[in-house]
């Protein structure tokens, strides 16, 4: 357990294309900080694992589904997907090369445990917002965790992903009946409305209680077809 008086130790600091990213250790925890904003740490991971679990369950046994994981982060979602043989192709889109390096050759390999080396895994170092707008590839599930939620984005440009136009781009790369799963630090009824307005169906939210404050949330929606 991390004592409140422990001081974080910076393990690496990089200037990336979207600002500064920092990996630090705070007691037993590894933490990612972007432009001074705390993003995530290795303290739990239940909601990040739920992100891929709930998406797979919503696919109703579709064989070898292809999943896009938006945001590598500390690696909980990727490691959980790789541990499940039911997933087929696993594509991770991560815009910060530093985060990928911290998994391949750095301390975050403790969490991802070689998941980047799984033959099903492909890592694309690109901005997710641009990727879903421009790629010709398609997937059965999109599991997105690039912000603290639709209303609390890491950079201003990410906000467009949660608009009706951005959600239309997500729907474009989903196969008929595909699932969109979006992580959030708190439930967002407004975002549920945006999903309906973008033409998604079966919109719902699953919550994960946390020790203090509002629960984490995974917003789920299905592309018609």
C-alpha atoms as a PDB file:
ATOM      1  CA  UNK A   1       0.000   0.000   0.000  1.00  0.00           C
ATOM      2  CA  UNK A   2       1.230   3.532  -0.776  1.00  0.00           C
ATOM      3  CA  UNK A   3       1.592   5.790   2.254  1.00  0.00           C
ATOM      4  CA  UNK A   4       0.200   9.309   1.891  1.00  0.00           C
ATOM      5  CA  UNK A   5       3.538  10.859   2.807  1.00  0.00           C
ATOM      6  CA  UNK A   6       5.565   9.025   0.158  1.00  0.00           C
ATOM      7  CA  UNK A   7       6.935  11.295  -2.545  1.00  0.00           C
ATOM      8  CA  UNK A   8       6.509  10.232  -6.189  1.00  0.00           C
ATOM      9  CA  UNK A   9       9.716   9.412  -8.041  1.00  0.00           C
ATOM     10  CA  UNK A  10       9.920  10.397 -11.713  1.00  0.00           C
ATOM     11  CA  UNK A  11      11.162   7.466 -13.798  1.00  0.00           C
ATOM     12  CA  UNK A  12      10.977   9.129 -17.214  1.00  0.00           C
ATOM     13  CA  UNK A  13       9.837  12.413 -18.684  1.00  0.00           C
ATOM     14  CA  UNK A  14       9.297  12.990 -22.421  1.00  0.00           C
ATOM     15  CA  UNK A  15       8.183  15.841 -24.637  1.00  0.00           C
ATOM     16  CA  UNK A  16       5.741  14.214 -27.041  1.00  0.00           C
ATOM     17  CA  UNK A  17       3.703  15.584 -29.952  1.00  0.00           C
ATOM     18  CA  UNK A  18       0.893  16.609 -27.569  1.00  0.00           C
ATOM     19  CA  UNK A  19       2.957  17.910 -24.667  1.00  0.00           C
ATOM     20  CA  UNK A  20       4.798  16.429 -21.737  1.00  0.00           C
ATOM     21  CA  UNK A  21       4.227  12.864 -20.544  1.00  0.00           C
ATOM     22  CA  UNK A  22       5.694  11.541 -17.309  1.00  0.00           C
ATOM     23  CA  UNK A  23       6.009   8.076 -15.822  1.00  0.00           C
ATOM     24  CA  UNK A  24       6.502   8.077 -12.085  1.00  0.00           C
ATOM     25  CA  UNK A  25       6.489   5.592  -9.230  1.00  0.00           C
ATOM     26  CA  UNK A  26       4.560   6.419  -6.059  1.00  0.00           C
ATOM     27  CA  UNK A  27       5.236   3.698  -3.536  1.00  0.00           C
ATOM     28  CA  UNK A  28       4.134   0.477  -5.233  1.00  0.00           C
ATOM     29  CA  UNK A  29       2.154   2.288  -7.927  1.00  0.00           C
ATOM     30  CA  UNK A  30       3.170   3.374 -11.426  1.00  0.00           C
ATOM     31  CA  UNK A  31       1.467   6.548 -12.643  1.00  0.00           C
ATOM     32  CA  UNK A  32       1.143   8.310 -16.009  1.00  0.00           C
ATOM     33  CA  UNK A  33       0.878  12.111 -16.005  1.00  0.00           C
ATOM     34  CA  UNK A  34       0.168  14.137 -19.158  1.00  0.00           C
ATOM     35  CA  UNK A  35       0.753  17.897 -19.171  1.00  0.00           C
ATOM     36  CA  UNK A  36       0.493  17.891 -15.381  1.00  0.00           C
ATOM     37  CA  UNK A  37      -2.844  16.006 -15.431  1.00  0.00           C
ATOM     38  CA  UNK A  38      -3.025  12.662 -13.637  1.00  0.00           C
ATOM     39  CA  UNK A  39      -4.274  10.069 -16.121  1.00  0.00           C
ATOM     40  CA  UNK A  40      -4.060   6.641 -14.513  1.00  0.00           C
ATOM     41  CA  UNK A  41      -2.120   4.341 -12.254  1.00  0.00           C
ATOM     42  CA  UNK A  42      -1.693   0.658 -11.525  1.00  0.00           C
ATOM     43  CA  UNK A  43      -3.771   0.658  -8.336  1.00  0.00           C
ATOM     44  CA  UNK A  44      -6.834  -1.234  -9.578  1.00  0.00           C
ATOM     45  CA  UNK A  45      -7.719  -1.941 -13.208  1.00  0.00           C
ATOM     46  CA  UNK A  46     -11.201  -3.404 -12.645  1.00  0.00           C
ATOM     47  CA  UNK A  47     -12.952  -0.882 -14.872  1.00  0.00           C
ATOM     48  CA  UNK A  48     -10.270  -1.116 -17.574  1.00  0.00           C
ATOM     49  CA  UNK A  49     -10.722  -4.883 -17.637  1.00  0.00           C
ATOM     50  CA  UNK A  50     -14.501  -4.446 -17.684  1.00  0.00           C
ATOM     51  CA  UNK A  51     -14.041  -2.321 -20.815  1.00  0.00           C
ATOM     52  CA  UNK A  52     -12.977  -5.364 -22.838  1.00  0.00           C
ATOM     53  CA  UNK A  53     -15.059  -7.929 -20.930  1.00  0.00           C
ATOM     54  CA  UNK A  54     -18.344  -6.094 -21.490  1.00  0.00           C
ATOM     55  CA  UNK A  55     -17.556  -5.480 -25.167  1.00  0.00           C
ATOM     56  CA  UNK A  56     -16.847  -9.166 -25.750  1.00  0.00           C
ATOM     57  CA  UNK A  57     -20.012 -10.232 -23.902  1.00  0.00           C
ATOM     58  CA  UNK A  58     -22.108  -7.883 -26.044  1.00  0.00           C
ATOM     59  CA  UNK A  59     -20.839  -9.586 -29.225  1.00  0.00           C
ATOM     60  CA  UNK A  60     -22.849 -12.717 -28.318  1.00  0.00           C
ATOM     61  CA  UNK A  61     -20.271 -15.330 -29.238  1.00  0.00           C
ATOM     62  CA  UNK A  62     -19.105 -13.851 -32.543  1.00  0.00           C
ATOM     63  CA  UNK A  63     -16.064 -15.958 -33.565  1.00  0.00           C
ATOM     64  CA  UNK A  64     -12.565 -14.442 -33.433  1.00  0.00           C
ATOM     65  CA  UNK A  65     -13.723 -10.820 -33.109  1.00  0.00           C
ATOM     66  CA  UNK A  66     -11.272  -8.054 -33.942  1.00  0.00           C
ATOM     67  CA  UNK A  67     -10.909  -5.371 -31.272  1.00  0.00           C
ATOM     68  CA  UNK A  68      -9.392  -1.907 -31.370  1.00  0.00           C
ATOM     69  CA  UNK A  69      -8.133  -0.709 -27.990  1.00  0.00           C
ATOM     70  CA  UNK A  70      -7.827   3.060 -27.971  1.00  0.00           C
ATOM     71  CA  UNK A  71      -5.110   4.074 -25.540  1.00  0.00           C
ATOM     72  CA  UNK A  72      -2.478   1.675 -24.198  1.00  0.00           C
ATOM     73  CA  UNK A  73      -2.243   3.430 -20.827  1.00  0.00           C
ATOM     74  CA  UNK A  74      -0.843   1.246 -18.062  1.00  0.00           C
ATOM     75  CA  UNK A  75      -1.854  -1.836 -20.033  1.00  0.00           C
ATOM     76  CA  UNK A  76      -4.736  -3.337 -18.060  1.00  0.00           C
ATOM     77  CA  UNK A  77      -7.126  -3.511 -21.028  1.00  0.00           C
ATOM     78  CA  UNK A  78      -4.574  -4.954 -23.436  1.00  0.00           C
ATOM     79  CA  UNK A  79      -3.317  -7.564 -20.963  1.00  0.00           C
ATOM     80  CA  UNK A  80      -6.894  -8.636 -20.239  1.00  0.00           C
ATOM     81  CA  UNK A  81      -7.733  -8.949 -23.935  1.00  0.00           C
ATOM     82  CA  UNK A  82      -4.609 -10.976 -24.672  1.00  0.00           C
ATOM     83  CA  UNK A  83      -5.390 -13.311 -21.753  1.00  0.00           C
ATOM     84  CA  UNK A  84      -8.703 -14.247 -23.414  1.00  0.00           C
ATOM     85  CA  UNK A  85      -8.280 -16.642 -26.360  1.00  0.00           C
ATOM     86  CA  UNK A  86     -11.714 -15.696 -27.732  1.00  0.00           C
ATOM     87  CA  UNK A  87     -10.374 -12.422 -29.111  1.00  0.00           C
ATOM     88  CA  UNK A  88      -8.960 -12.549 -32.623  1.00  0.00           C
ATOM     89  CA  UNK A  89      -6.929  -9.595 -33.905  1.00  0.00           C
ATOM     90  CA  UNK A  90      -6.070  -6.992 -31.222  1.00  0.00           C
ATOM     91  CA  UNK A  91      -5.064  -3.526 -32.449  1.00  0.00           C
ATOM     92  CA  UNK A  92      -3.842  -0.915 -29.961  1.00  0.00           C
ATOM     93  CA  UNK A  93      -3.783   2.731 -31.016  1.00  0.00           C
ATOM     94  CA  UNK A  94      -1.524   4.841 -28.773  1.00  0.00           C
ATOM     95  CA  UNK A  95      -0.369   8.299 -29.779  1.00  0.00           C
ATOM     96  CA  UNK A  96       2.505   8.599 -27.275  1.00  0.00           C
ATOM     97  CA  UNK A  97       5.620   6.696 -28.311  1.00  0.00           C
ATOM     98  CA  UNK A  98       6.876   7.054 -24.741  1.00  0.00           C
ATOM     99  CA  UNK A  99       3.999   4.959 -23.393  1.00  0.00           C
ATOM    100  CA  UNK A 100       4.747   2.189 -25.891  1.00  0.00           C
ATOM    101  CA  UNK A 101       8.440   2.303 -24.892  1.00  0.00           C
ATOM    102  CA  UNK A 102       7.545   2.074 -21.181  1.00  0.00           C
ATOM    103  CA  UNK A 103       5.762  -1.188 -21.946  1.00  0.00           C
ATOM    104  CA  UNK A 104       8.300  -2.671 -24.338  1.00  0.00           C
ATOM    105  CA  UNK A 105      11.449  -1.857 -22.390  1.00  0.00           C
ATOM    106  CA  UNK A 106      10.362  -0.154 -19.185  1.00  0.00           C
ATOM    107  CA  UNK A 107       8.550  -0.594 -15.879  1.00  0.00           C
ATOM    108  CA  UNK A 108       5.033  -0.887 -17.361  1.00  0.00           C
ATOM    109  CA  UNK A 109       6.026  -4.270 -18.729  1.00  0.00           C
ATOM    110  CA  UNK A 110       5.182  -5.424 -15.186  1.00  0.00           C
ATOM    111  CA  UNK A 111       1.502  -4.885 -16.059  1.00  0.00           C
ATOM    112  CA  UNK A 112       1.326  -5.792 -19.739  1.00  0.00           C
ATOM    113  CA  UNK A 113       3.471  -8.894 -19.141  1.00  0.00           C
ATOM    114  CA  UNK A 114       4.526  -9.391 -22.741  1.00  0.00           C
ATOM    115  CA  UNK A 115       1.094  -8.672 -24.230  1.00  0.00           C
ATOM    116  CA  UNK A 116       2.700  -6.532 -26.936  1.00  0.00           C
ATOM    117  CA  UNK A 117       4.510  -9.631 -28.133  1.00  0.00           C
ATOM    118  CA  UNK A 118       1.353 -11.692 -28.575  1.00  0.00           C
ATOM    119  CA  UNK A 119       0.960 -12.619 -32.273  1.00  0.00           C
ATOM    120  CA  UNK A 120      -2.583 -11.204 -32.293  1.00  0.00           C
ATOM    121  CA  UNK A 121      -1.391  -7.774 -31.119  1.00  0.00           C
ATOM    122  CA  UNK A 122      -0.534  -4.854 -33.378  1.00  0.00           C
ATOM    123  CA  UNK A 123       0.465  -1.446 -31.988  1.00  0.00           C
ATOM    124  CA  UNK A 124      -0.296   1.642 -34.072  1.00  0.00           C
ATOM    125  CA  UNK A 125       1.408   4.819 -32.852  1.00  0.00           C
ATOM    126  CA  UNK A 126      -1.136   7.382 -34.026  1.00  0.00           C
ATOM    127  CA  UNK A 127      -3.753   9.779 -32.710  1.00  0.00           C
ATOM    128  CA  UNK A 128      -6.979   7.839 -32.155  1.00  0.00           C
ATOM    129  CA  UNK A 129      -9.248  10.670 -33.329  1.00  0.00           C
ATOM    130  CA  UNK A 130      -7.444  10.774 -36.675  1.00  0.00           C
ATOM    131  CA  UNK A 131      -7.232   6.998 -36.896  1.00  0.00           C
ATOM    132  CA  UNK A 132     -10.970   6.317 -36.656  1.00  0.00           C
ATOM    133  CA  UNK A 133     -11.617   9.098 -39.153  1.00  0.00           C
ATOM    134  CA  UNK A 134      -9.116   7.887 -41.747  1.00  0.00           C
ATOM    135  CA  UNK A 135      -8.534   4.134 -41.444  1.00  0.00           C
ATOM    136  CA  UNK A 136     -10.029   1.700 -43.927  1.00  0.00           C
ATOM    137  CA  UNK A 137      -9.841  -1.106 -41.366  1.00  0.00           C
ATOM    138  CA  UNK A 138     -12.922  -2.378 -39.505  1.00  0.00           C
ATOM    139  CA  UNK A 139     -13.448  -4.020 -36.123  1.00  0.00           C
ATOM    140  CA  UNK A 140     -16.052  -5.899 -34.126  1.00  0.00           C
ATOM    141  CA  UNK A 141     -15.355  -3.862 -30.983  1.00  0.00           C
ATOM    142  CA  UNK A 142     -13.862  -0.478 -30.123  1.00  0.00           C
ATOM    143  CA  UNK A 143     -12.676  -0.174 -26.506  1.00  0.00           C
ATOM    144  CA  UNK A 144     -11.689   3.453 -25.918  1.00  0.00           C
ATOM    145  CA  UNK A 145      -9.823   4.806 -22.897  1.00  0.00           C
ATOM    146  CA  UNK A 146      -7.884   7.902 -23.926  1.00  0.00           C
ATOM    147  CA  UNK A 147      -9.312  10.473 -21.477  1.00  0.00           C
ATOM    148  CA  UNK A 148     -10.723  10.725 -17.985  1.00  0.00           C
ATOM    149  CA  UNK A 149     -14.136  10.728 -19.641  1.00  0.00           C
ATOM    150  CA  UNK A 150     -16.180  12.410 -22.373  1.00  0.00           C
ATOM    151  CA  UNK A 151     -16.329  15.612 -20.338  1.00  0.00           C
ATOM    152  CA  UNK A 152     -12.726  15.572 -19.097  1.00  0.00           C
ATOM    153  CA  UNK A 153     -10.345  15.220 -22.020  1.00  0.00           C
ATOM    154  CA  UNK A 154      -6.568  15.160 -21.867  1.00  0.00           C
ATOM    155  CA  UNK A 155      -6.221  17.541 -24.835  1.00  0.00           C
ATOM    156  CA  UNK A 156      -8.809  19.778 -26.472  1.00  0.00           C
ATOM    157  CA  UNK A 157      -8.681  17.880 -29.744  1.00  0.00           C
ATOM    158  CA  UNK A 158      -9.953  14.721 -28.066  1.00  0.00           C
ATOM    159  CA  UNK A 159     -13.288  16.363 -27.373  1.00  0.00           C
ATOM    160  CA  UNK A 160     -14.417  15.886 -30.963  1.00  0.00           C
ATOM    161  CA  UNK A 161     -14.355  12.102 -30.481  1.00  0.00           C
ATOM    162  CA  UNK A 162     -17.391  12.297 -28.193  1.00  0.00           C
ATOM    163  CA  UNK A 163     -19.448  14.507 -30.490  1.00  0.00           C
ATOM    164  CA  UNK A 164     -22.062  13.082 -32.840  1.00  0.00           C
ATOM    165  CA  UNK A 165     -19.582  13.487 -35.735  1.00  0.00           C
ATOM    166  CA  UNK A 166     -16.806  11.726 -33.803  1.00  0.00           C
ATOM    167  CA  UNK A 167     -19.129   8.905 -32.814  1.00  0.00           C
ATOM    168  CA  UNK A 168     -20.131   8.571 -36.468  1.00  0.00           C
ATOM    169  CA  UNK A 169     -16.434   7.951 -37.235  1.00  0.00           C
ATOM    170  CA  UNK A 170     -16.417   5.224 -34.585  1.00  0.00           C
ATOM    171  CA  UNK A 171     -19.517   3.664 -36.120  1.00  0.00           C
ATOM    172  CA  UNK A 172     -17.857   3.779 -39.560  1.00  0.00           C
ATOM    173  CA  UNK A 173     -15.045   1.458 -38.442  1.00  0.00           C
ATOM    174  CA  UNK A 174     -17.388  -0.894 -36.580  1.00  0.00           C
ATOM    175  CA  UNK A 175     -18.796  -3.890 -38.394  1.00  0.00           C
ATOM    176  CA  UNK A 176     -22.595  -4.321 -38.286  1.00  0.00           C
ATOM    177  CA  UNK A 177     -23.627  -5.292 -34.763  1.00  0.00           C
ATOM    178  CA  UNK A 178     -20.241  -4.154 -33.446  1.00  0.00           C
ATOM    179  CA  UNK A 179     -19.793  -2.732 -29.965  1.00  0.00           C
ATOM    180  CA  UNK A 180     -18.433   0.616 -28.833  1.00  0.00           C
ATOM    181  CA  UNK A 181     -17.179   0.694 -25.220  1.00  0.00           C
ATOM    182  CA  UNK A 182     -15.935   3.964 -23.699  1.00  0.00           C
ATOM    183  CA  UNK A 183     -14.256   4.292 -20.286  1.00  0.00           C
ATOM    184  CA  UNK A 184     -15.116   7.251 -18.072  1.00  0.00           C
ATOM    185  CA  UNK A 185     -14.110   8.368 -14.587  1.00  0.00           C
ATOM    186  CA  UNK A 186     -17.802   8.949 -13.880  1.00  0.00           C
ATOM    187  CA  UNK A 187     -21.132   8.089 -15.534  1.00  0.00           C
ATOM    188  CA  UNK A 188     -22.314  10.605 -18.130  1.00  0.00           C
ATOM    189  CA  UNK A 189     -26.021  10.728 -19.006  1.00  0.00           C
ATOM    190  CA  UNK A 190     -25.180  13.437 -21.541  1.00  0.00           C
ATOM    191  CA  UNK A 191     -22.831  11.064 -23.358  1.00  0.00           C
ATOM    192  CA  UNK A 192     -25.505   8.377 -23.391  1.00  0.00           C
ATOM    193  CA  UNK A 193     -27.694  10.891 -25.203  1.00  0.00           C
ATOM    194  CA  UNK A 194     -24.944  11.566 -27.731  1.00  0.00           C
ATOM    195  CA  UNK A 195     -24.659   7.846 -28.434  1.00  0.00           C
ATOM    196  CA  UNK A 196     -28.382   7.593 -29.145  1.00  0.00           C
ATOM    197  CA  UNK A 197     -28.227  10.717 -31.328  1.00  0.00           C
ATOM    198  CA  UNK A 198     -25.349   9.216 -33.323  1.00  0.00           C
ATOM    199  CA  UNK A 199     -27.546   6.246 -34.227  1.00  0.00           C
ATOM    200  CA  UNK A 200     -26.230   3.650 -31.787  1.00  0.00           C
ATOM    201  CA  UNK A 201     -28.583   1.154 -30.154  1.00  0.00           C
ATOM    202  CA  UNK A 202     -28.635  -0.788 -26.863  1.00  0.00           C
ATOM    203  CA  UNK A 203     -26.964   2.136 -25.080  1.00  0.00           C
ATOM    204  CA  UNK A 204     -26.200   1.390 -21.442  1.00  0.00           C
ATOM    205  CA  UNK A 205     -23.681   2.122 -18.705  1.00  0.00           C
ATOM    206  CA  UNK A 206     -21.927  -0.302 -16.352  1.00  0.00           C
ATOM    207  CA  UNK A 207     -20.454   1.129 -13.138  1.00  0.00           C
ATOM    208  CA  UNK A 208     -17.523   0.030 -10.975  1.00  0.00           C
ATOM    209  CA  UNK A 209     -17.556   1.350  -7.380  1.00  0.00           C
ATOM    210  CA  UNK A 210     -14.348   2.971  -6.170  1.00  0.00           C
ATOM    211  CA  UNK A 211     -13.047   3.588  -2.660  1.00  0.00           C
ATOM    212  CA  UNK A 212     -13.953   7.274  -2.685  1.00  0.00           C
ATOM    213  CA  UNK A 213     -16.156   9.399  -4.906  1.00  0.00           C
ATOM    214  CA  UNK A 214     -18.344   8.545  -7.882  1.00  0.00           C
ATOM    215  CA  UNK A 215     -17.928   5.158  -9.595  1.00  0.00           C
ATOM    216  CA  UNK A 216     -15.915   4.542 -12.737  1.00  0.00           C
ATOM    217  CA  UNK A 217     -18.104   3.818 -15.745  1.00  0.00           C
ATOM    218  CA  UNK A 218     -18.041   1.945 -19.040  1.00  0.00           C
ATOM    219  CA  UNK A 219     -20.500   3.267 -21.629  1.00  0.00           C
ATOM    220  CA  UNK A 220     -21.624   0.627 -24.123  1.00  0.00           C
ATOM    221  CA  UNK A 221     -23.479   0.946 -27.421  1.00  0.00           C
ATOM    222  CA  UNK A 222     -24.093  -1.239 -30.471  1.00  0.00           C
ATOM    223  CA  UNK A 223     -23.922  -0.273 -34.126  1.00  0.00           C
ATOM    224  CA  UNK A 224     -27.132  -1.358 -35.880  1.00  0.00           C
ATOM    225  CA  UNK A 225     -26.933  -4.047 -38.509  1.00  0.00           C
END
